[in-house]
Amino acid sequence: MSATRTVSVIVKGRVQGVSYRAWTQAEARALDLTGFVRNRADGSVEAVFGGPSDAVDRMVALCRSGPPHASVSEVIVKECGDPPDTRGFDILRG
């Protein structure tokens, strides 16, 4: 079993209005990750993923392409010390 890991991710590009949040939630739940995803005022999407290191790595890799109508230009990943304060994976309204 791999170690547990938590990361914060900012995804830039055409990522709002293309179902990026719903896609992220579905993919994260399929990988049994905890955390959240939300739109940011600057047009980017922010997500926090927590779970087994290999599943987190897989989710970050998926974020680099996103759903079919997305056009990702940049993914910024930062390690977090604390796990997400949630039991599942939620879409937050901002």
PDB file of N, CA and C in Angstrom:
ATOM      1  N   MET A   1       0.839  -1.186   0.000  1.00  0.00           N
ATOM      2  CA  MET A   1       0.000   0.000   0.000  1.00  0.00           C
ATOM      3  C   MET A   1       0.879   1.242   0.000  1.00  0.00           C
ATOM      4  N   SER A   2       0.494   2.238  -0.792  1.00  0.00           N
ATOM      5  CA  SER A   2       1.317   3.438  -0.885  1.00  0.00           C
ATOM      6  C   SER A   2       0.979   4.418   0.230  1.00  0.00           C
ATOM      7  N   ALA A   3       1.871   5.334   0.467  1.00  0.00           N
ATOM      8  CA  ALA A   3       1.685   6.352   1.496  1.00  0.00           C
ATOM      9  C   ALA A   3       0.560   7.307   1.104  1.00  0.00           C
ATOM     10  N   THR A   4      -0.007   7.952   2.104  1.00  0.00           N
ATOM     11  CA  THR A   4      -1.055   8.935   1.866  1.00  0.00           C
ATOM     12  C   THR A   4      -0.421  10.280   1.555  1.00  0.00           C
ATOM     13  N   ARG A   5      -1.072  11.015   0.672  1.00  0.00           N
ATOM     14  CA  ARG A   5      -0.528  12.291   0.195  1.00  0.00           C
ATOM     15  C   ARG A   5      -1.679  13.252  -0.071  1.00  0.00           C
ATOM     16  N   THR A   6      -1.438  14.544   0.114  1.00  0.00           N
ATOM     17  CA  THR A   6      -2.429  15.578  -0.198  1.00  0.00           C
ATOM     18  C   THR A   6      -1.757  16.661  -1.016  1.00  0.00           C
ATOM     19  N   VAL A   7      -2.412  17.055  -2.113  1.00  0.00           N
ATOM     20  CA  VAL A   7      -1.888  18.138  -2.949  1.00  0.00           C
ATOM     21  C   VAL A   7      -2.995  19.140  -3.252  1.00  0.00           C
ATOM     22  N   SER A   8      -2.572  20.371  -3.475  1.00  0.00           N
ATOM     23  CA  SER A   8      -3.447  21.429  -3.973  1.00  0.00           C
ATOM     24  C   SER A   8      -3.051  21.668  -5.419  1.00  0.00           C
ATOM     25  N   VAL A   9      -4.052  21.789  -6.283  1.00  0.00           N
ATOM     26  CA  VAL A   9      -3.803  21.930  -7.712  1.00  0.00           C
ATOM     27  C   VAL A   9      -4.565  23.144  -8.244  1.00  0.00           C
ATOM     28  N   ILE A  10      -3.897  23.968  -9.030  1.00  0.00           N
ATOM     29  CA  ILE A  10      -4.540  25.060  -9.760  1.00  0.00           C
ATOM     30  C   ILE A  10      -4.409  24.718 -11.238  1.00  0.00           C
ATOM     31  N   VAL A  11      -5.548  24.686 -11.930  1.00  0.00           N
ATOM     32  CA  VAL A  11      -5.575  24.341 -13.346  1.00  0.00           C
ATOM     33  C   VAL A  11      -5.987  25.579 -14.130  1.00  0.00           C
ATOM     34  N   LYS A  12      -5.139  25.973 -15.086  1.00  0.00           N
ATOM     35  CA  LYS A  12      -5.398  27.170 -15.891  1.00  0.00           C
ATOM     36  C   LYS A  12      -5.670  26.797 -17.342  1.00  0.00           C
ATOM     37  N   GLY A  13      -6.348  27.689 -18.029  1.00  0.00           N
ATOM     38  CA  GLY A  13      -6.698  27.473 -19.425  1.00  0.00           C
ATOM     39  C   GLY A  13      -8.196  27.628 -19.591  1.00  0.00           C
ATOM     40  N   ARG A  14      -8.756  26.957 -20.599  1.00  0.00           N
ATOM     41  CA  ARG A  14     -10.217  26.957 -20.764  1.00  0.00           C
ATOM     42  C   ARG A  14     -10.752  25.807 -19.920  1.00  0.00           C
ATOM     43  N   VAL A  15     -11.016  26.112 -18.639  1.00  0.00           N
ATOM     44  CA  VAL A  15     -11.412  25.083 -17.684  1.00  0.00           C
ATOM     45  C   VAL A  15     -12.723  25.407 -16.964  1.00  0.00           C
ATOM     46  N   GLN A  16     -13.308  26.543 -17.249  1.00  0.00           N
ATOM     47  CA  GLN A  16     -14.630  26.855 -16.708  1.00  0.00           C
ATOM     48  C   GLN A  16     -15.625  26.833 -17.857  1.00  0.00           C
ATOM     49  N   GLY A  17     -16.830  26.347 -17.569  1.00  0.00           N
ATOM     50  CA  GLY A  17     -17.859  26.245 -18.597  1.00  0.00           C
ATOM     51  C   GLY A  17     -17.716  25.026 -19.492  1.00  0.00           C
ATOM     52  N   VAL A  18     -16.866  24.080 -19.089  1.00  0.00           N
ATOM     53  CA  VAL A  18     -16.638  22.853 -19.876  1.00  0.00           C
ATOM     54  C   VAL A  18     -16.830  21.594 -19.024  1.00  0.00           C
ATOM     55  N   SER A  19     -17.530  21.728 -17.906  1.00  0.00           N
ATOM     56  CA  SER A  19     -17.796  20.622 -16.968  1.00  0.00           C
ATOM     57  C   SER A  19     -16.536  20.083 -16.295  1.00  0.00           C
ATOM     58  N   TYR A  20     -15.535  20.945 -16.131  1.00  0.00           N
ATOM     59  CA  TYR A  20     -14.285  20.504 -15.512  1.00  0.00           C
ATOM     60  C   TYR A  20     -14.505  20.051 -14.076  1.00  0.00           C
ATOM     61  N   ARG A  21     -15.317  20.781 -13.314  1.00  0.00           N
ATOM     62  CA  ARG A  21     -15.547  20.414 -11.910  1.00  0.00           C
ATOM     63  C   ARG A  21     -16.260  19.069 -11.795  1.00  0.00           C
ATOM     64  N   ALA A  22     -17.304  18.866 -12.583  1.00  0.00           N
ATOM     65  CA  ALA A  22     -18.047  17.598 -12.535  1.00  0.00           C
ATOM     66  C   ALA A  22     -17.152  16.439 -12.969  1.00  0.00           C
ATOM     67  N   TRP A  23     -16.354  16.661 -13.997  1.00  0.00           N
ATOM     68  CA  TRP A  23     -15.419  15.636 -14.472  1.00  0.00           C
ATOM     69  C   TRP A  23     -14.401  15.303 -13.377  1.00  0.00           C
ATOM     70  N   THR A  24     -13.864  16.342 -12.733  1.00  0.00           N
ATOM     71  CA  THR A  24     -12.883  16.146 -11.663  1.00  0.00           C
ATOM     72  C   THR A  24     -13.497  15.341 -10.519  1.00  0.00           C
ATOM     73  N   GLN A  25     -14.712  15.693 -10.141  1.00  0.00           N
ATOM     74  CA  GLN A  25     -15.379  14.973  -9.056  1.00  0.00           C
ATOM     75  C   GLN A  25     -15.543  13.493  -9.410  1.00  0.00           C
ATOM     76  N   ALA A  26     -16.001  13.204 -10.611  1.00  0.00           N
ATOM     77  CA  ALA A  26     -16.200  11.814 -11.031  1.00  0.00           C
ATOM     78  C   ALA A  26     -14.882  11.041 -11.046  1.00  0.00           C
ATOM     79  N   GLU A  27     -13.832  11.644 -11.590  1.00  0.00           N
ATOM     80  CA  GLU A  27     -12.526  10.970 -11.654  1.00  0.00           C
ATOM     81  C   GLU A  27     -11.941  10.758 -10.257  1.00  0.00           C
ATOM     82  N   ALA A  28     -12.056  11.770  -9.401  1.00  0.00           N
ATOM     83  CA  ALA A  28     -11.513  11.668  -8.035  1.00  0.00           C
ATOM     84  C   ALA A  28     -12.265  10.610  -7.239  1.00  0.00           C
ATOM     85  N   ARG A  29     -13.582  10.564  -7.390  1.00  0.00           N
ATOM     86  CA  ARG A  29     -14.364   9.540  -6.690  1.00  0.00           C
ATOM     87  C   ARG A  29     -14.014   8.144  -7.194  1.00  0.00           C
ATOM     88  N   ALA A  30     -13.795   8.000  -8.488  1.00  0.00           N
ATOM     89  CA  ALA A  30     -13.400   6.701  -9.053  1.00  0.00           C
ATOM     90  C   ALA A  30     -12.071   6.234  -8.482  1.00  0.00           C
ATOM     91  N   LEU A  31     -11.195   7.186  -8.144  1.00  0.00           N
ATOM     92  CA  LEU A  31      -9.896   6.862  -7.555  1.00  0.00           C
ATOM     93  C   LEU A  31      -9.953   6.814  -6.028  1.00  0.00           C
ATOM     94  N   ASP A  32     -11.148   7.005  -5.466  1.00  0.00           N
ATOM     95  CA  ASP A  32     -11.373   6.974  -4.020  1.00  0.00           C
ATOM     96  C   ASP A  32     -10.576   8.044  -3.286  1.00  0.00           C
ATOM     97  N   LEU A  33     -10.495   9.236  -3.893  1.00  0.00           N
ATOM     98  CA  LEU A  33      -9.802  10.365  -3.279  1.00  0.00           C
ATOM     99  C   LEU A  33     -10.779  11.217  -2.487  1.00  0.00           C
ATOM    100  N   THR A  34     -10.268  11.937  -1.518  1.00  0.00           N
ATOM    101  CA  THR A  34     -11.058  12.915  -0.786  1.00  0.00           C
ATOM    102  C   THR A  34     -10.602  14.303  -1.206  1.00  0.00           C
ATOM    103  N   GLY A  35     -11.457  15.299  -0.957  1.00  0.00           N
ATOM    104  CA  GLY A  35     -11.081  16.667  -1.268  1.00  0.00           C
ATOM    105  C   GLY A  35     -12.215  17.445  -1.884  1.00  0.00           C
ATOM    106  N   PHE A  36     -11.841  18.423  -2.705  1.00  0.00           N
ATOM    107  CA  PHE A  36     -12.845  19.282  -3.321  1.00  0.00           C
ATOM    108  C   PHE A  36     -12.306  19.899  -4.600  1.00  0.00           C
ATOM    109  N   VAL A  37     -13.226  20.464  -5.376  1.00  0.00           N
ATOM    110  CA  VAL A  37     -12.872  21.225  -6.569  1.00  0.00           C
ATOM    111  C   VAL A  37     -13.794  22.443  -6.610  1.00  0.00           C
ATOM    112  N   ARG A  38     -13.272  23.575  -7.089  1.00  0.00           N
ATOM    113  CA  ARG A  38     -14.085  24.787  -7.202  1.00  0.00           C
ATOM    114  C   ARG A  38     -13.510  25.706  -8.262  1.00  0.00           C
ATOM    115  N   ASN A  39     -14.395  26.544  -8.824  1.00  0.00           N
ATOM    116  CA  ASN A  39     -13.955  27.591  -9.739  1.00  0.00           C
ATOM    117  C   ASN A  39     -13.349  28.725  -8.937  1.00  0.00           C
ATOM    118  N   ARG A  40     -12.393  29.408  -9.551  1.00  0.00           N
ATOM    119  CA  ARG A  40     -11.794  30.599  -8.946  1.00  0.00           C
ATOM    120  C   ARG A  40     -12.178  31.819  -9.777  1.00  0.00           C
ATOM    121  N   ALA A  41     -12.174  32.970  -9.157  1.00  0.00           N
ATOM    122  CA  ALA A  41     -12.579  34.207  -9.813  1.00  0.00           C
ATOM    123  C   ALA A  41     -11.708  34.545 -11.021  1.00  0.00           C
ATOM    124  N   ASP A  42     -10.463  34.078 -11.045  1.00  0.00           N
ATOM    125  CA  ASP A  42      -9.555  34.396 -12.153  1.00  0.00           C
ATOM    126  C   ASP A  42      -9.746  33.496 -13.372  1.00  0.00           C
ATOM    127  N   GLY A  43     -10.749  32.583 -13.333  1.00  0.00           N
ATOM    128  CA  GLY A  43     -11.017  31.702 -14.466  1.00  0.00           C
ATOM    129  C   GLY A  43     -10.351  30.346 -14.374  1.00  0.00           C
ATOM    130  N   SER A  44      -9.551  30.143 -13.351  1.00  0.00           N
ATOM    131  CA  SER A  44      -8.909  28.842 -13.158  1.00  0.00           C
ATOM    132  C   SER A  44      -9.797  27.959 -12.287  1.00  0.00           C
ATOM    133  N   VAL A  45      -9.376  26.721 -12.114  1.00  0.00           N
ATOM    134  CA  VAL A  45     -10.052  25.768 -11.237  1.00  0.00           C
ATOM    135  C   VAL A  45      -9.046  25.331 -10.183  1.00  0.00           C
ATOM    136  N   GLU A  46      -9.509  25.249  -8.942  1.00  0.00           N
ATOM    137  CA  GLU A  46      -8.679  24.798  -7.826  1.00  0.00           C
ATOM    138  C   GLU A  46      -9.219  23.478  -7.311  1.00  0.00           C
ATOM    139  N   ALA A  47      -8.328  22.567  -6.985  1.00  0.00           N
ATOM    140  CA  ALA A  47      -8.737  21.291  -6.400  1.00  0.00           C
ATOM    141  C   ALA A  47      -7.738  20.882  -5.328  1.00  0.00           C
ATOM    142  N   VAL A  48      -8.232  20.127  -4.360  1.00  0.00           N
ATOM    143  CA  VAL A  48      -7.381  19.501  -3.352  1.00  0.00           C
ATOM    144  C   VAL A  48      -7.693  18.013  -3.397  1.00  0.00           C
ATOM    145  N   PHE A  49      -6.646  17.204  -3.531  1.00  0.00           N
ATOM    146  CA  PHE A  49      -6.788  15.753  -3.611  1.00  0.00           C
ATOM    147  C   PHE A  49      -6.025  15.104  -2.471  1.00  0.00           C
ATOM    148  N   GLY A  50      -6.677  14.185  -1.779  1.00  0.00           N
ATOM    149  CA  GLY A  50      -6.021  13.433  -0.715  1.00  0.00           C
ATOM    150  C   GLY A  50      -6.287  11.953  -0.875  1.00  0.00           C
ATOM    151  N   GLY A  51      -5.272  11.149  -0.599  1.00  0.00           N
ATOM    152  CA  GLY A  51      -5.437   9.706  -0.694  1.00  0.00           C
ATOM    153  C   GLY A  51      -4.099   9.030  -0.926  1.00  0.00           C
ATOM    154  N   PRO A  52      -4.139   7.776  -1.369  1.00  0.00           N
ATOM    155  CA  PRO A  52      -2.888   7.063  -1.658  1.00  0.00           C
ATOM    156  C   PRO A  52      -2.064   7.825  -2.706  1.00  0.00           C
ATOM    157  N   SER A  53      -0.788   7.863  -2.501  1.00  0.00           N
ATOM    158  CA  SER A  53       0.108   8.635  -3.359  1.00  0.00           C
ATOM    159  C   SER A  53      -0.049   8.300  -4.835  1.00  0.00           C
ATOM    160  N   ASP A  54      -0.173   7.019  -5.167  1.00  0.00           N
ATOM    161  CA  ASP A  54      -0.293   6.641  -6.579  1.00  0.00           C
ATOM    162  C   ASP A  54      -1.606   7.143  -7.178  1.00  0.00           C
ATOM    163  N   ALA A  55      -2.691   7.146  -6.404  1.00  0.00           N
ATOM    164  CA  ALA A  55      -3.973   7.652  -6.898  1.00  0.00           C
ATOM    165  C   ALA A  55      -3.936   9.174  -7.068  1.00  0.00           C
ATOM    166  N   VAL A  56      -3.273   9.860  -6.147  1.00  0.00           N
ATOM    167  CA  VAL A  56      -3.119  11.314  -6.269  1.00  0.00           C
ATOM    168  C   VAL A  56      -2.299  11.642  -7.518  1.00  0.00           C
ATOM    169  N   ASP A  57      -1.216  10.924  -7.728  1.00  0.00           N
ATOM    170  CA  ASP A  57      -0.393  11.136  -8.926  1.00  0.00           C
ATOM    171  C   ASP A  57      -1.211  10.915 -10.200  1.00  0.00           C
ATOM    172  N   ARG A  58      -2.035   9.885 -10.212  1.00  0.00           N
ATOM    173  CA  ARG A  58      -2.885   9.595 -11.370  1.00  0.00           C
ATOM    174  C   ARG A  58      -3.869  10.740 -11.625  1.00  0.00           C
ATOM    175  N   MET A  59      -4.461  11.275 -10.551  1.00  0.00           N
ATOM    176  CA  MET A  59      -5.427  12.363 -10.696  1.00  0.00           C
ATOM    177  C   MET A  59      -4.747  13.627 -11.215  1.00  0.00           C
ATOM    178  N   VAL A  60      -3.574  13.924 -10.718  1.00  0.00           N
ATOM    179  CA  VAL A  60      -2.837  15.096 -11.211  1.00  0.00           C
ATOM    180  C   VAL A  60      -2.531  14.928 -12.698  1.00  0.00           C
ATOM    181  N   ALA A  61      -2.152  13.739 -13.115  1.00  0.00           N
ATOM    182  CA  ALA A  61      -1.895  13.480 -14.533  1.00  0.00           C
ATOM    183  C   ALA A  61      -3.165  13.683 -15.357  1.00  0.00           C
ATOM    184  N   LEU A  62      -4.310  13.211 -14.853  1.00  0.00           N
ATOM    185  CA  LEU A  62      -5.578  13.405 -15.561  1.00  0.00           C
ATOM    186  C   LEU A  62      -5.933  14.884 -15.686  1.00  0.00           C
ATOM    187  N   CYS A  63      -5.613  15.667 -14.671  1.00  0.00           N
ATOM    188  CA  CYS A  63      -5.918  17.103 -14.691  1.00  0.00           C
ATOM    189  C   CYS A  63      -5.186  17.833 -15.815  1.00  0.00           C
ATOM    190  N   ARG A  64      -4.084  17.285 -16.280  1.00  0.00           N
ATOM    191  CA  ARG A  64      -3.311  17.936 -17.341  1.00  0.00           C
ATOM    192  C   ARG A  64      -4.042  17.926 -18.687  1.00  0.00           C
ATOM    193  N   SER A  65      -5.022  17.031 -18.835  1.00  0.00           N
ATOM    194  CA  SER A  65      -5.825  17.027 -20.061  1.00  0.00           C
ATOM    195  C   SER A  65      -7.263  17.447 -19.790  1.00  0.00           C
ATOM    196  N   GLY A  66      -7.849  16.968 -18.705  1.00  0.00           N
ATOM    197  CA  GLY A  66      -9.206  17.346 -18.340  1.00  0.00           C
ATOM    198  C   GLY A  66     -10.253  16.707 -19.227  1.00  0.00           C
ATOM    199  N   PRO A  67     -11.502  17.193 -19.125  1.00  0.00           N
ATOM    200  CA  PRO A  67     -12.595  16.644 -19.926  1.00  0.00           C
ATOM    201  C   PRO A  67     -12.450  17.053 -21.400  1.00  0.00           C
ATOM    202  N   PRO A  68     -13.267  16.457 -22.284  1.00  0.00           N
ATOM    203  CA  PRO A  68     -13.106  16.668 -23.731  1.00  0.00           C
ATOM    204  C   PRO A  68     -13.059  18.119 -24.213  1.00  0.00           C
ATOM    205  N   HIS A  69     -13.851  19.023 -23.659  1.00  0.00           N
ATOM    206  CA  HIS A  69     -13.888  20.396 -24.179  1.00  0.00           C
ATOM    207  C   HIS A  69     -12.942  21.353 -23.462  1.00  0.00           C
ATOM    208  N   ALA A  70     -12.189  20.856 -22.514  1.00  0.00           N
ATOM    209  CA  ALA A  70     -11.222  21.692 -21.794  1.00  0.00           C
ATOM    210  C   ALA A  70      -9.959  21.875 -22.631  1.00  0.00           C
ATOM    211  N   SER A  71      -9.267  22.958 -22.349  1.00  0.00           N
ATOM    212  CA  SER A  71      -7.964  23.211 -22.952  1.00  0.00           C
ATOM    213  C   SER A  71      -7.043  23.697 -21.833  1.00  0.00           C
ATOM    214  N   VAL A  72      -6.303  22.777 -21.239  1.00  0.00           N
ATOM    215  CA  VAL A  72      -5.464  23.072 -20.087  1.00  0.00           C
ATOM    216  C   VAL A  72      -4.131  23.651 -20.557  1.00  0.00           C
ATOM    217  N   SER A  73      -3.794  24.817 -20.014  1.00  0.00           N
ATOM    218  CA  SER A  73      -2.526  25.449 -20.381  1.00  0.00           C
ATOM    219  C   SER A  73      -1.460  25.290 -19.293  1.00  0.00           C
ATOM    220  N   GLU A  74      -1.899  25.090 -18.053  1.00  0.00           N
ATOM    221  CA  GLU A  74      -0.934  24.986 -16.951  1.00  0.00           C
ATOM    222  C   GLU A  74      -1.588  24.288 -15.766  1.00  0.00           C
ATOM    223  N   VAL A  75      -0.807  23.455 -15.080  1.00  0.00           N
ATOM    224  CA  VAL A  75      -1.245  22.814 -13.841  1.00  0.00           C
ATOM    225  C   VAL A  75      -0.160  23.071 -12.801  1.00  0.00           C
ATOM    226  N   ILE A  76      -0.540  23.740 -11.725  1.00  0.00           N
ATOM    227  CA  ILE A  76       0.390  24.064 -10.637  1.00  0.00           C
ATOM    228  C   ILE A  76       0.044  23.164  -9.457  1.00  0.00           C
ATOM    229  N   VAL A  77       1.014  22.394  -8.990  1.00  0.00           N
ATOM    230  CA  VAL A  77       0.792  21.431  -7.915  1.00  0.00           C
ATOM    231  C   VAL A  77       1.634  21.823  -6.711  1.00  0.00           C
ATOM    232  N   LYS A  78       0.979  21.858  -5.545  1.00  0.00           N
ATOM    233  CA  LYS A  78       1.691  22.141  -4.291  1.00  0.00           C
ATOM    234  C   LYS A  78       1.349  21.056  -3.283  1.00  0.00           C
ATOM    235  N   GLU A  79       2.364  20.567  -2.608  1.00  0.00           N
ATOM    236  CA  GLU A  79       2.146  19.581  -1.549  1.00  0.00           C
ATOM    237  C   GLU A  79       1.482  20.266  -0.355  1.00  0.00           C
ATOM    238  N   CYS A  80       0.564  19.560   0.283  1.00  0.00           N
ATOM    239  CA  CYS A  80      -0.118  20.054   1.480  1.00  0.00           C
ATOM    240  C   CYS A  80       0.221  19.132   2.639  1.00  0.00           C
ATOM    241  N   GLY A  81       0.303  19.684   3.812  1.00  0.00           N
ATOM    242  CA  GLY A  81       0.603  18.866   4.979  1.00  0.00           C
ATOM    243  C   GLY A  81      -0.599  18.135   5.520  1.00  0.00           C
ATOM    244  N   ASP A  82      -1.753  18.781   5.502  1.00  0.00           N
ATOM    245  CA  ASP A  82      -2.950  18.208   6.114  1.00  0.00           C
ATOM    246  C   ASP A  82      -3.868  17.596   5.066  1.00  0.00           C
ATOM    247  N   PRO A  83      -4.530  16.496   5.420  1.00  0.00           N
ATOM    248  CA  PRO A  83      -5.502  15.910   4.493  1.00  0.00           C
ATOM    249  C   PRO A  83      -6.723  16.818   4.362  1.00  0.00           C
ATOM    250  N   PRO A  84      -7.488  16.678   3.287  1.00  0.00           N
ATOM    251  CA  PRO A  84      -8.691  17.496   3.116  1.00  0.00           C
ATOM    252  C   PRO A  84      -9.674  17.279   4.264  1.00  0.00           C
ATOM    253  N   ASP A  85     -10.385  18.329   4.620  1.00  0.00           N
ATOM    254  CA  ASP A  85     -11.347  18.279   5.713  1.00  0.00           C
ATOM    255  C   ASP A  85     -12.707  17.817   5.186  1.00  0.00           C
ATOM    256  N   THR A  86     -12.735  16.630   4.594  1.00  0.00           N
ATOM    257  CA  THR A  86     -13.959  16.062   4.033  1.00  0.00           C
ATOM    258  C   THR A  86     -13.821  14.553   3.957  1.00  0.00           C
ATOM    259  N   ARG A  87     -14.937  13.865   3.934  1.00  0.00           N
ATOM    260  CA  ARG A  87     -14.906  12.397   3.840  1.00  0.00           C
ATOM    261  C   ARG A  87     -14.999  11.929   2.391  1.00  0.00           C
ATOM    262  N   GLY A  88     -15.550  12.751   1.522  1.00  0.00           N
ATOM    263  CA  GLY A  88     -15.714  12.384   0.121  1.00  0.00           C
ATOM    264  C   GLY A  88     -15.015  13.392  -0.761  1.00  0.00           C
ATOM    265  N   PHE A  89     -15.539  13.545  -1.977  1.00  0.00           N
ATOM    266  CA  PHE A  89     -14.982  14.534  -2.898  1.00  0.00           C
ATOM    267  C   PHE A  89     -16.119  15.420  -3.361  1.00  0.00           C
ATOM    268  N   ASP A  90     -16.040  16.715  -3.041  1.00  0.00           N
ATOM    269  CA  ASP A  90     -17.142  17.649  -3.258  1.00  0.00           C
ATOM    270  C   ASP A  90     -16.817  18.731  -4.274  1.00  0.00           C
ATOM    271  N   ILE A  91     -17.878  19.236  -4.897  1.00  0.00           N
ATOM    272  CA  ILE A  91     -17.792  20.441  -5.706  1.00  0.00           C
ATOM    273  C   ILE A  91     -18.221  21.585  -4.799  1.00  0.00           C
ATOM    274  N   LEU A  92     -17.347  22.555  -4.602  1.00  0.00           N
ATOM    275  CA  LEU A  92     -17.669  23.704  -3.769  1.00  0.00           C
ATOM    276  C   LEU A  92     -18.148  24.841  -4.657  1.00  0.00           C
ATOM    277  N   ARG A  93     -19.097  25.563  -4.179  1.00  0.00           N
ATOM    278  CA  ARG A  93     -19.572  26.777  -4.863  1.00  0.00           C
ATOM    279  C   ARG A  93     -18.822  27.943  -4.277  1.00  0.00           C
ATOM    280  N   GLY A  94     -18.333  28.800  -5.118  1.00  0.00           N
ATOM    281  CA  GLY A  94     -17.507  29.858  -4.582  1.00  0.00           C
ATOM    282  C   GLY A  94     -18.066  31.187  -4.749  1.00  0.00           C
TER     283      GLY A  94
END
